[in-house]
Amino acid sequence: MRLSVLFFCGWFAAVPAFGSELDLGVNGDAFRLAFSSELGSGDLTWDAGWLHHDDNGDALHGGIYLGGEASSGTNPVRGGLGIRATLTDGDLSDQDGLNFALGGFFAYTLPTYDRFVVSGHAYYAPEVLGVGEIEKLQDYGLRLAYNVLKQADVYVGARYVRGDYEAAPSVRYDTGLHLGVALRF
């Protein structure tokens, strides 16, 4: 897993920043660092991230999504659907695996309070989309952000990330509330 973390950090440092976002969310036991960027015209987006829990292990992910406006009007819902590959290493289960989760995300700016954004994501990978000892992965999150600067948000959110393995109990990589910062450049 350490080699994977080093690869992720090196890859992240080499990526050009255009229409990109850097996101860090933390709580008392875990943090998630994620980077996303548009590909080409902006309909395609890719992301990569690292979730680390002090006791339960690590999860590295990378995904590609088709995104855009999911509703019409002056204040549309933005969203995306795609696939995310996640490499997990459950410290408590002493098992790991790679899976391909299907899912997506949404974001909605409140019309009357245009500095507040409600957003969320959901990804699910059943056993058939896994390689190795992982049988199932669930990754869900919901957050309320406040736009402090034009290109920076602070947020409070709830996150639930769980992996189920063949010969070990489930591993909760993160569960509960977290605080974070998202920077766009």
N, C-alpha and C. Protein backbone atom coordinates (compact mmCIF):
# COMPACT_ATOMS: atom_id res chain seq x y z
N MET A 1 0.83 -1.19 0.00
CA MET A 1 0.00 0.00 0.00
C MET A 1 0.88 1.25 0.00
N ARG A 2 2.02 1.20 0.66
CA ARG A 2 2.89 2.39 0.68
C ARG A 2 3.36 2.76 -0.72
N LEU A 3 3.65 1.75 -1.56
CA LEU A 3 4.04 2.02 -2.93
C LEU A 3 2.90 2.70 -3.67
N SER A 4 1.66 2.28 -3.42
CA SER A 4 0.50 2.90 -4.06
C SER A 4 0.35 4.35 -3.65
N VAL A 5 0.58 4.65 -2.38
CA VAL A 5 0.48 6.03 -1.90
C VAL A 5 1.55 6.89 -2.55
N LEU A 6 2.77 6.37 -2.66
CA LEU A 6 3.85 7.12 -3.31
C LEU A 6 3.52 7.36 -4.79
N PHE A 7 2.98 6.35 -5.46
CA PHE A 7 2.58 6.50 -6.86
C PHE A 7 1.52 7.58 -6.99
N PHE A 8 0.51 7.55 -6.12
CA PHE A 8 -0.57 8.54 -6.15
C PHE A 8 -0.01 9.95 -5.96
N CYS A 9 0.88 10.13 -4.99
CA CYS A 9 1.44 11.45 -4.73
C CYS A 9 2.26 11.95 -5.92
N GLY A 10 3.04 11.08 -6.53
CA GLY A 10 3.84 11.46 -7.69
C GLY A 10 2.97 11.79 -8.89
N TRP A 11 1.93 11.00 -9.10
CA TRP A 11 1.01 11.22 -10.20
C TRP A 11 0.28 12.54 -10.01
N PHE A 12 -0.18 12.81 -8.79
CA PHE A 12 -0.89 14.04 -8.48
C PHE A 12 -0.01 15.26 -8.75
N ALA A 13 1.27 15.18 -8.39
CA ALA A 13 2.18 16.31 -8.57
C ALA A 13 2.45 16.60 -10.04
N ALA A 14 2.33 15.58 -10.90
CA ALA A 14 2.62 15.74 -12.31
C ALA A 14 1.43 16.20 -13.13
N VAL A 15 0.23 16.26 -12.56
CA VAL A 15 -0.99 16.57 -13.29
C VAL A 15 -1.13 18.08 -13.47
N PRO A 16 -1.42 18.54 -14.69
CA PRO A 16 -1.66 19.97 -14.87
C PRO A 16 -2.97 20.39 -14.23
N ALA A 17 -3.00 21.59 -13.69
CA ALA A 17 -4.20 22.08 -13.00
C ALA A 17 -4.96 23.02 -13.90
N PHE A 18 -6.07 22.55 -14.48
CA PHE A 18 -6.93 23.38 -15.30
C PHE A 18 -8.36 22.95 -15.03
N GLY A 19 -9.18 23.84 -14.50
CA GLY A 19 -10.53 23.47 -14.13
C GLY A 19 -10.52 22.37 -13.09
N SER A 20 -9.70 22.53 -12.07
CA SER A 20 -9.44 21.47 -11.11
C SER A 20 -9.91 21.84 -9.71
N GLU A 21 -10.03 20.81 -8.86
CA GLU A 21 -10.41 21.01 -7.46
C GLU A 21 -9.58 20.10 -6.57
N LEU A 22 -9.13 20.65 -5.46
CA LEU A 22 -8.42 19.92 -4.43
C LEU A 22 -9.29 19.95 -3.18
N ASP A 23 -9.54 18.78 -2.60
CA ASP A 23 -10.50 18.65 -1.50
C ASP A 23 -9.86 17.87 -0.36
N LEU A 24 -9.96 18.39 0.85
CA LEU A 24 -9.47 17.69 2.03
C LEU A 24 -10.55 17.72 3.10
N GLY A 25 -11.01 16.53 3.51
CA GLY A 25 -12.01 16.39 4.57
C GLY A 25 -11.45 15.54 5.69
N VAL A 26 -11.59 15.99 6.94
CA VAL A 26 -10.99 15.28 8.08
C VAL A 26 -11.99 15.15 9.24
N ASN A 27 -11.77 14.11 10.03
CA ASN A 27 -12.41 13.99 11.33
C ASN A 27 -11.36 13.44 12.29
N GLY A 28 -11.74 13.02 13.48
CA GLY A 28 -10.78 12.59 14.48
C GLY A 28 -10.03 11.31 14.14
N ASP A 29 -10.57 10.49 13.23
CA ASP A 29 -9.95 9.20 12.91
C ASP A 29 -9.49 9.06 11.48
N ALA A 30 -10.00 9.90 10.57
CA ALA A 30 -9.73 9.68 9.15
C ALA A 30 -9.62 10.99 8.39
N PHE A 31 -8.98 10.90 7.21
CA PHE A 31 -8.99 12.02 6.28
C PHE A 31 -9.13 11.47 4.86
N ARG A 32 -9.68 12.29 3.98
CA ARG A 32 -9.73 11.98 2.55
C ARG A 32 -9.17 13.18 1.81
N LEU A 33 -8.17 12.92 0.98
CA LEU A 33 -7.59 13.91 0.09
C LEU A 33 -7.97 13.51 -1.32
N ALA A 34 -8.60 14.43 -2.06
CA ALA A 34 -9.05 14.11 -3.41
C ALA A 34 -8.72 15.25 -4.36
N PHE A 35 -8.49 14.88 -5.60
CA PHE A 35 -8.21 15.84 -6.66
C PHE A 35 -9.07 15.47 -7.85
N SER A 36 -9.72 16.46 -8.47
CA SER A 36 -10.51 16.21 -9.67
C SER A 36 -10.21 17.28 -10.70
N SER A 37 -10.40 16.91 -11.98
CA SER A 37 -10.12 17.85 -13.05
C SER A 37 -10.94 17.48 -14.28
N GLU A 38 -11.23 18.48 -15.09
CA GLU A 38 -11.97 18.26 -16.32
C GLU A 38 -11.03 17.70 -17.39
N LEU A 39 -11.60 16.92 -18.29
CA LEU A 39 -10.89 16.42 -19.46
C LEU A 39 -11.48 17.08 -20.69
N GLY A 40 -10.68 17.76 -21.47
CA GLY A 40 -11.16 18.36 -22.71
C GLY A 40 -12.20 19.43 -22.50
N SER A 41 -13.38 19.25 -23.13
CA SER A 41 -14.41 20.29 -23.14
C SER A 41 -15.12 20.45 -21.81
N GLY A 42 -14.93 19.55 -20.86
CA GLY A 42 -15.56 19.69 -19.56
C GLY A 42 -16.68 18.70 -19.31
N ASP A 43 -17.11 17.92 -20.34
CA ASP A 43 -18.14 16.91 -20.12
C ASP A 43 -17.60 15.72 -19.35
N LEU A 44 -16.33 15.43 -19.53
CA LEU A 44 -15.68 14.34 -18.81
C LEU A 44 -14.85 14.89 -17.67
N THR A 45 -14.93 14.23 -16.54
CA THR A 45 -14.15 14.60 -15.36
C THR A 45 -13.48 13.34 -14.82
N TRP A 46 -12.27 13.48 -14.33
CA TRP A 46 -11.60 12.37 -13.65
C TRP A 46 -11.28 12.81 -12.24
N ASP A 47 -11.13 11.85 -11.35
CA ASP A 47 -10.70 12.18 -9.99
C ASP A 47 -9.82 11.07 -9.44
N ALA A 48 -9.10 11.42 -8.42
CA ALA A 48 -8.25 10.47 -7.69
C ALA A 48 -8.27 10.89 -6.24
N GLY A 49 -8.20 9.91 -5.33
CA GLY A 49 -8.24 10.26 -3.92
C GLY A 49 -7.65 9.19 -3.04
N TRP A 50 -7.37 9.59 -1.83
CA TRP A 50 -6.80 8.71 -0.81
C TRP A 50 -7.58 8.92 0.47
N LEU A 51 -8.16 7.84 0.99
CA LEU A 51 -8.85 7.84 2.27
C LEU A 51 -8.01 7.03 3.24
N HIS A 52 -7.66 7.63 4.36
CA HIS A 52 -6.84 6.95 5.38
C HIS A 52 -7.57 7.00 6.72
N HIS A 53 -7.72 5.84 7.34
CA HIS A 53 -8.26 5.74 8.69
C HIS A 53 -7.13 5.25 9.59
N ASP A 54 -6.94 5.89 10.75
CA ASP A 54 -5.83 5.55 11.65
C ASP A 54 -5.76 4.07 12.00
N ASP A 55 -6.90 3.45 12.25
CA ASP A 55 -6.92 2.06 12.70
C ASP A 55 -7.35 1.06 11.63
N ASN A 56 -8.17 1.49 10.67
CA ASN A 56 -8.84 0.54 9.78
C ASN A 56 -8.21 0.36 8.41
N GLY A 57 -7.34 1.25 7.98
CA GLY A 57 -6.66 1.05 6.70
C GLY A 57 -6.81 2.20 5.73
N ASP A 58 -6.54 1.88 4.46
CA ASP A 58 -6.49 2.88 3.40
C ASP A 58 -7.33 2.44 2.20
N ALA A 59 -7.81 3.43 1.46
CA ALA A 59 -8.51 3.19 0.20
C ALA A 59 -8.06 4.25 -0.79
N LEU A 60 -7.49 3.82 -1.91
CA LEU A 60 -7.09 4.72 -2.99
C LEU A 60 -8.10 4.56 -4.12
N HIS A 61 -8.54 5.67 -4.70
CA HIS A 61 -9.50 5.56 -5.79
C HIS A 61 -9.13 6.46 -6.96
N GLY A 62 -9.63 6.08 -8.12
CA GLY A 62 -9.53 6.87 -9.34
C GLY A 62 -10.76 6.60 -10.17
N GLY A 63 -11.33 7.64 -10.76
CA GLY A 63 -12.56 7.45 -11.52
C GLY A 63 -12.67 8.38 -12.70
N ILE A 64 -13.61 8.06 -13.57
CA ILE A 64 -13.93 8.92 -14.70
C ILE A 64 -15.45 9.00 -14.81
N TYR A 65 -15.94 10.23 -15.10
CA TYR A 65 -17.36 10.51 -15.04
C TYR A 65 -17.79 11.38 -16.21
N LEU A 66 -19.02 11.18 -16.65
CA LEU A 66 -19.66 12.06 -17.60
C LEU A 66 -20.56 12.97 -16.77
N GLY A 67 -20.37 14.27 -16.89
CA GLY A 67 -21.10 15.19 -16.03
C GLY A 67 -21.67 16.36 -16.77
N GLY A 68 -22.50 17.11 -16.05
CA GLY A 68 -23.11 18.30 -16.61
C GLY A 68 -24.30 18.73 -15.79
N GLU A 69 -25.18 19.50 -16.41
CA GLU A 69 -26.38 19.96 -15.74
C GLU A 69 -27.44 18.87 -15.79
N ALA A 70 -27.99 18.53 -14.63
CA ALA A 70 -28.99 17.46 -14.53
C ALA A 70 -30.41 18.00 -14.51
N SER A 71 -30.57 19.31 -14.55
CA SER A 71 -31.89 19.93 -14.59
C SER A 71 -31.77 21.24 -15.37
N SER A 72 -32.90 21.85 -15.67
CA SER A 72 -32.89 23.11 -16.41
C SER A 72 -33.21 24.26 -15.46
N GLY A 73 -33.23 25.45 -15.99
CA GLY A 73 -33.56 26.62 -15.19
C GLY A 73 -32.34 27.46 -14.89
N THR A 74 -32.56 28.50 -14.10
CA THR A 74 -31.47 29.41 -13.78
C THR A 74 -30.54 28.85 -12.71
N ASN A 75 -30.99 27.85 -11.98
CA ASN A 75 -30.19 27.27 -10.91
C ASN A 75 -30.22 25.74 -11.01
N PRO A 76 -29.54 25.19 -12.03
CA PRO A 76 -29.65 23.75 -12.26
C PRO A 76 -28.85 22.91 -11.26
N VAL A 77 -29.29 21.67 -11.12
CA VAL A 77 -28.52 20.68 -10.37
C VAL A 77 -27.40 20.21 -11.30
N ARG A 78 -26.20 20.15 -10.80
CA ARG A 78 -25.07 19.61 -11.55
C ARG A 78 -24.81 18.20 -11.05
N GLY A 79 -24.36 17.33 -11.94
CA GLY A 79 -24.12 15.96 -11.51
C GLY A 79 -23.26 15.21 -12.49
N GLY A 80 -22.98 13.96 -12.13
CA GLY A 80 -22.18 13.11 -12.99
C GLY A 80 -22.39 11.65 -12.64
N LEU A 81 -22.21 10.79 -13.65
CA LEU A 81 -22.29 9.35 -13.48
C LEU A 81 -21.03 8.73 -14.07
N GLY A 82 -20.55 7.66 -13.44
CA GLY A 82 -19.36 7.04 -13.98
C GLY A 82 -18.92 5.82 -13.20
N ILE A 83 -17.65 5.52 -13.32
CA ILE A 83 -17.06 4.34 -12.69
C ILE A 83 -15.83 4.77 -11.91
N ARG A 84 -15.65 4.12 -10.76
CA ARG A 84 -14.52 4.43 -9.88
C ARG A 84 -13.82 3.13 -9.50
N ALA A 85 -12.52 3.08 -9.73
CA ALA A 85 -11.71 1.94 -9.29
C ALA A 85 -11.17 2.27 -7.91
N THR A 86 -11.29 1.33 -6.96
CA THR A 86 -10.83 1.55 -5.59
C THR A 86 -9.96 0.39 -5.15
N LEU A 87 -8.76 0.71 -4.71
CA LEU A 87 -7.83 -0.26 -4.15
C LEU A 87 -7.89 -0.12 -2.64
N THR A 88 -8.29 -1.18 -1.93
CA THR A 88 -8.45 -1.10 -0.47
C THR A 88 -7.43 -1.98 0.22
N ASP A 89 -7.04 -1.56 1.41
CA ASP A 89 -6.14 -2.32 2.28
C ASP A 89 -6.69 -2.21 3.69
N GLY A 90 -7.42 -3.24 4.12
CA GLY A 90 -8.05 -3.22 5.44
C GLY A 90 -7.10 -3.71 6.51
N ASP A 91 -6.59 -2.80 7.33
CA ASP A 91 -5.64 -3.15 8.39
C ASP A 91 -6.21 -4.16 9.37
N LEU A 92 -7.46 -3.97 9.79
CA LEU A 92 -8.06 -4.88 10.77
C LEU A 92 -8.37 -6.24 10.17
N SER A 93 -8.74 -6.28 8.89
CA SER A 93 -9.09 -7.55 8.26
C SER A 93 -7.88 -8.25 7.69
N ASP A 94 -6.77 -7.54 7.51
CA ASP A 94 -5.56 -8.05 6.90
C ASP A 94 -5.84 -8.57 5.50
N GLN A 95 -6.82 -7.94 4.83
CA GLN A 95 -7.15 -8.31 3.46
C GLN A 95 -7.21 -7.05 2.60
N ASP A 96 -7.09 -7.26 1.29
CA ASP A 96 -7.14 -6.13 0.38
C ASP A 96 -7.87 -6.54 -0.89
N GLY A 97 -8.02 -5.61 -1.80
CA GLY A 97 -8.69 -5.91 -3.05
C GLY A 97 -8.86 -4.68 -3.91
N LEU A 98 -9.28 -4.92 -5.13
CA LEU A 98 -9.55 -3.88 -6.11
C LEU A 98 -10.97 -4.10 -6.61
N ASN A 99 -11.75 -3.03 -6.66
CA ASN A 99 -13.10 -3.15 -7.22
C ASN A 99 -13.40 -1.97 -8.12
N PHE A 100 -14.48 -2.14 -8.88
CA PHE A 100 -14.92 -1.12 -9.81
C PHE A 100 -16.35 -0.76 -9.45
N ALA A 101 -16.50 0.40 -8.83
CA ALA A 101 -17.81 0.83 -8.33
C ALA A 101 -18.52 1.71 -9.35
N LEU A 102 -19.82 1.54 -9.44
CA LEU A 102 -20.65 2.39 -10.27
C LEU A 102 -21.30 3.44 -9.37
N GLY A 103 -21.46 4.64 -9.88
CA GLY A 103 -22.09 5.65 -9.05
C GLY A 103 -22.01 7.03 -9.66
N GLY A 104 -22.17 8.01 -8.79
CA GLY A 104 -22.13 9.38 -9.27
C GLY A 104 -22.21 10.39 -8.15
N PHE A 105 -22.40 11.64 -8.56
CA PHE A 105 -22.41 12.75 -7.60
C PHE A 105 -23.39 13.81 -8.08
N PHE A 106 -23.76 14.70 -7.17
CA PHE A 106 -24.62 15.84 -7.51
C PHE A 106 -24.19 17.03 -6.67
N ALA A 107 -24.55 18.23 -7.14
CA ALA A 107 -24.33 19.47 -6.38
C ALA A 107 -25.45 20.45 -6.74
N TYR A 108 -25.99 21.10 -5.72
CA TYR A 108 -27.07 22.06 -5.92
C TYR A 108 -26.80 23.30 -5.09
N THR A 109 -26.78 24.44 -5.74
CA THR A 109 -26.60 25.73 -5.05
C THR A 109 -27.98 26.25 -4.68
N LEU A 110 -28.16 26.56 -3.41
CA LEU A 110 -29.46 27.05 -2.94
C LEU A 110 -29.75 28.40 -3.58
N PRO A 111 -30.92 28.59 -4.19
CA PRO A 111 -31.21 29.82 -4.94
C PRO A 111 -31.23 31.08 -4.09
N THR A 112 -31.86 31.05 -2.94
CA THR A 112 -31.95 32.24 -2.10
C THR A 112 -30.65 32.51 -1.35
N TYR A 113 -29.93 31.46 -1.03
CA TYR A 113 -28.67 31.57 -0.30
C TYR A 113 -27.57 31.02 -1.19
N ASP A 114 -27.18 31.80 -2.21
CA ASP A 114 -26.32 31.31 -3.27
C ASP A 114 -24.88 30.99 -2.86
N ARG A 115 -24.54 31.20 -1.62
CA ARG A 115 -23.20 30.81 -1.16
C ARG A 115 -23.21 29.42 -0.53
N PHE A 116 -24.39 28.82 -0.38
CA PHE A 116 -24.52 27.48 0.20
C PHE A 116 -24.76 26.44 -0.91
N VAL A 117 -24.03 25.34 -0.82
CA VAL A 117 -24.15 24.26 -1.80
C VAL A 117 -24.37 22.95 -1.05
N VAL A 118 -25.39 22.20 -1.48
CA VAL A 118 -25.63 20.86 -0.96
C VAL A 118 -25.12 19.89 -2.03
N SER A 119 -24.30 18.94 -1.62
CA SER A 119 -23.77 17.99 -2.60
C SER A 119 -23.64 16.61 -1.96
N GLY A 120 -23.49 15.62 -2.81
CA GLY A 120 -23.35 14.26 -2.32
C GLY A 120 -22.82 13.33 -3.38
N HIS A 121 -22.49 12.12 -2.95
CA HIS A 121 -22.02 11.09 -3.88
C HIS A 121 -22.44 9.73 -3.36
N ALA A 122 -22.51 8.76 -4.27
CA ALA A 122 -22.82 7.38 -3.91
C ALA A 122 -22.15 6.46 -4.92
N TYR A 123 -21.41 5.47 -4.41
CA TYR A 123 -20.74 4.48 -5.24
C TYR A 123 -20.95 3.11 -4.60
N TYR A 124 -21.19 2.12 -5.45
CA TYR A 124 -21.42 0.77 -4.96
C TYR A 124 -20.75 -0.23 -5.90
N ALA A 125 -20.03 -1.19 -5.32
CA ALA A 125 -19.38 -2.24 -6.09
C ALA A 125 -19.76 -3.59 -5.49
N PRO A 126 -20.56 -4.39 -6.20
CA PRO A 126 -20.87 -5.74 -5.71
C PRO A 126 -19.70 -6.68 -5.95
N GLU A 127 -19.82 -7.89 -5.46
CA GLU A 127 -18.73 -8.87 -5.54
C GLU A 127 -18.27 -9.12 -6.97
N VAL A 128 -19.19 -9.13 -7.91
CA VAL A 128 -18.85 -9.43 -9.30
C VAL A 128 -17.90 -8.39 -9.90
N LEU A 129 -17.85 -7.18 -9.34
CA LEU A 129 -16.97 -6.13 -9.84
C LEU A 129 -15.69 -6.00 -9.01
N GLY A 130 -15.37 -7.03 -8.20
CA GLY A 130 -14.19 -6.99 -7.36
C GLY A 130 -13.14 -8.00 -7.77
N VAL A 131 -11.89 -7.69 -7.45
CA VAL A 131 -10.76 -8.57 -7.68
C VAL A 131 -10.02 -8.70 -6.36
N GLY A 132 -9.65 -9.89 -5.98
CA GLY A 132 -8.97 -10.09 -4.71
C GLY A 132 -9.94 -10.52 -3.64
N GLU A 133 -9.66 -10.14 -2.41
CA GLU A 133 -10.44 -10.61 -1.27
C GLU A 133 -11.66 -9.76 -0.96
N ILE A 134 -11.82 -8.64 -1.63
CA ILE A 134 -12.97 -7.77 -1.33
C ILE A 134 -14.22 -8.30 -2.02
N GLU A 135 -15.32 -8.30 -1.29
CA GLU A 135 -16.59 -8.77 -1.85
C GLU A 135 -17.53 -7.64 -2.22
N LYS A 136 -17.48 -6.54 -1.47
CA LYS A 136 -18.41 -5.45 -1.71
C LYS A 136 -17.79 -4.17 -1.16
N LEU A 137 -18.07 -3.04 -1.84
CA LEU A 137 -17.64 -1.74 -1.35
C LEU A 137 -18.81 -0.77 -1.46
N GLN A 138 -19.00 0.03 -0.42
CA GLN A 138 -20.00 1.09 -0.39
C GLN A 138 -19.31 2.39 -0.01
N ASP A 139 -19.60 3.46 -0.72
CA ASP A 139 -19.02 4.77 -0.45
C ASP A 139 -20.11 5.81 -0.67
N TYR A 140 -20.59 6.41 0.44
CA TYR A 140 -21.67 7.39 0.38
C TYR A 140 -21.25 8.65 1.14
N GLY A 141 -21.68 9.80 0.65
CA GLY A 141 -21.37 11.04 1.34
C GLY A 141 -22.37 12.12 1.03
N LEU A 142 -22.54 13.03 1.97
CA LEU A 142 -23.43 14.18 1.83
C LEU A 142 -22.76 15.34 2.55
N ARG A 143 -22.83 16.54 1.96
CA ARG A 143 -22.20 17.69 2.61
C ARG A 143 -22.95 18.98 2.34
N LEU A 144 -22.74 19.94 3.24
CA LEU A 144 -23.23 21.30 3.09
C LEU A 144 -22.01 22.21 3.11
N ALA A 145 -21.81 22.93 2.00
CA ALA A 145 -20.64 23.79 1.86
C ALA A 145 -21.04 25.27 1.86
N TYR A 146 -20.11 26.09 2.32
CA TYR A 146 -20.29 27.54 2.29
C TYR A 146 -19.16 28.12 1.45
N ASN A 147 -19.52 28.92 0.45
CA ASN A 147 -18.56 29.51 -0.47
C ASN A 147 -17.92 30.74 0.18
N VAL A 148 -16.75 30.55 0.80
CA VAL A 148 -16.04 31.63 1.49
C VAL A 148 -15.44 32.61 0.49
N LEU A 149 -14.79 32.08 -0.52
CA LEU A 149 -14.21 32.85 -1.61
C LEU A 149 -14.77 32.29 -2.92
N LYS A 150 -14.58 33.00 -4.01
CA LYS A 150 -15.09 32.53 -5.29
C LYS A 150 -14.56 31.13 -5.62
N GLN A 151 -13.35 30.83 -5.19
CA GLN A 151 -12.73 29.55 -5.53
C GLN A 151 -12.42 28.69 -4.30
N ALA A 152 -13.11 28.92 -3.20
CA ALA A 152 -12.83 28.14 -1.99
C ALA A 152 -14.09 27.96 -1.14
N ASP A 153 -14.32 26.73 -0.74
CA ASP A 153 -15.45 26.39 0.13
C ASP A 153 -14.94 25.76 1.42
N VAL A 154 -15.69 25.96 2.49
CA VAL A 154 -15.54 25.17 3.71
C VAL A 154 -16.82 24.36 3.83
N TYR A 155 -16.74 23.17 4.41
CA TYR A 155 -17.93 22.34 4.48
C TYR A 155 -17.94 21.44 5.70
N VAL A 156 -19.16 20.98 6.02
CA VAL A 156 -19.38 19.93 7.00
C VAL A 156 -20.12 18.83 6.25
N GLY A 157 -19.72 17.59 6.51
CA GLY A 157 -20.33 16.49 5.78
C GLY A 157 -20.41 15.23 6.60
N ALA A 158 -21.09 14.26 6.04
CA ALA A 158 -21.17 12.92 6.62
C ALA A 158 -20.70 11.95 5.54
N ARG A 159 -19.88 10.96 5.95
CA ARG A 159 -19.30 10.03 5.00
C ARG A 159 -19.39 8.62 5.56
N TYR A 160 -19.66 7.66 4.69
CA TYR A 160 -19.73 6.25 5.07
C TYR A 160 -19.02 5.44 3.99
N VAL A 161 -17.90 4.82 4.34
CA VAL A 161 -17.13 3.99 3.41
C VAL A 161 -16.87 2.66 4.09
N ARG A 162 -17.35 1.57 3.46
CA ARG A 162 -17.25 0.24 4.06
C ARG A 162 -16.88 -0.79 3.01
N GLY A 163 -15.95 -1.67 3.37
CA GLY A 163 -15.58 -2.80 2.51
C GLY A 163 -15.89 -4.10 3.21
N ASP A 164 -16.48 -5.04 2.48
CA ASP A 164 -16.76 -6.38 3.00
C ASP A 164 -15.78 -7.34 2.34
N TYR A 165 -15.14 -8.18 3.16
CA TYR A 165 -14.10 -9.09 2.66
C TYR A 165 -14.51 -10.55 2.85
N GLU A 166 -13.85 -11.44 2.10
CA GLU A 166 -14.19 -12.86 2.10
C GLU A 166 -14.07 -13.52 3.47
N ALA A 167 -12.92 -13.43 4.09
CA ALA A 167 -12.64 -14.20 5.30
C ALA A 167 -12.44 -13.33 6.53
N ALA A 168 -13.05 -12.15 6.53
CA ALA A 168 -12.85 -11.23 7.65
C ALA A 168 -14.10 -10.38 7.82
N PRO A 169 -14.20 -9.72 8.94
CA PRO A 169 -15.35 -8.83 9.13
C PRO A 169 -15.25 -7.61 8.22
N SER A 170 -16.33 -6.89 8.14
CA SER A 170 -16.36 -5.65 7.36
C SER A 170 -15.40 -4.64 7.93
N VAL A 171 -14.87 -3.80 7.06
CA VAL A 171 -13.98 -2.73 7.48
C VAL A 171 -14.66 -1.40 7.16
N ARG A 172 -14.81 -0.58 8.17
CA ARG A 172 -15.35 0.76 7.96
C ARG A 172 -14.17 1.72 7.86
N TYR A 173 -13.92 2.16 6.64
CA TYR A 173 -12.81 3.07 6.40
C TYR A 173 -13.12 4.47 6.90
N ASP A 174 -14.38 4.80 6.94
CA ASP A 174 -14.80 6.07 7.54
C ASP A 174 -16.30 6.04 7.76
N THR A 175 -16.72 6.65 8.84
CA THR A 175 -18.14 6.77 9.13
C THR A 175 -18.33 7.98 10.03
N GLY A 176 -19.30 8.79 9.72
CA GLY A 176 -19.60 9.93 10.58
C GLY A 176 -19.30 11.27 9.95
N LEU A 177 -19.28 12.28 10.81
CA LEU A 177 -19.10 13.66 10.38
C LEU A 177 -17.65 14.00 10.10
N HIS A 178 -17.46 14.98 9.22
CA HIS A 178 -16.12 15.49 8.94
C HIS A 178 -16.23 16.95 8.52
N LEU A 179 -15.12 17.66 8.62
CA LEU A 179 -15.00 19.04 8.20
C LEU A 179 -14.00 19.10 7.06
N GLY A 180 -14.18 20.05 6.14
CA GLY A 180 -13.25 20.08 5.03
C GLY A 180 -13.16 21.42 4.33
N VAL A 181 -12.23 21.45 3.37
CA VAL A 181 -11.96 22.61 2.54
C VAL A 181 -11.84 22.12 1.10
N ALA A 182 -12.46 22.83 0.16
CA ALA A 182 -12.33 22.53 -1.26
C ALA A 182 -11.83 23.79 -1.97
N LEU A 183 -10.75 23.63 -2.73
CA LEU A 183 -10.12 24.74 -3.46
C LEU A 183 -10.21 24.47 -4.95
N ARG A 184 -10.69 25.44 -5.71
CA ARG A 184 -10.79 25.32 -7.17
C ARG A 184 -9.78 26.25 -7.83
N PHE A 185 -9.13 25.76 -8.88
CA PHE A 185 -8.15 26.58 -9.61
C PHE A 185 -8.13 26.20 -11.06
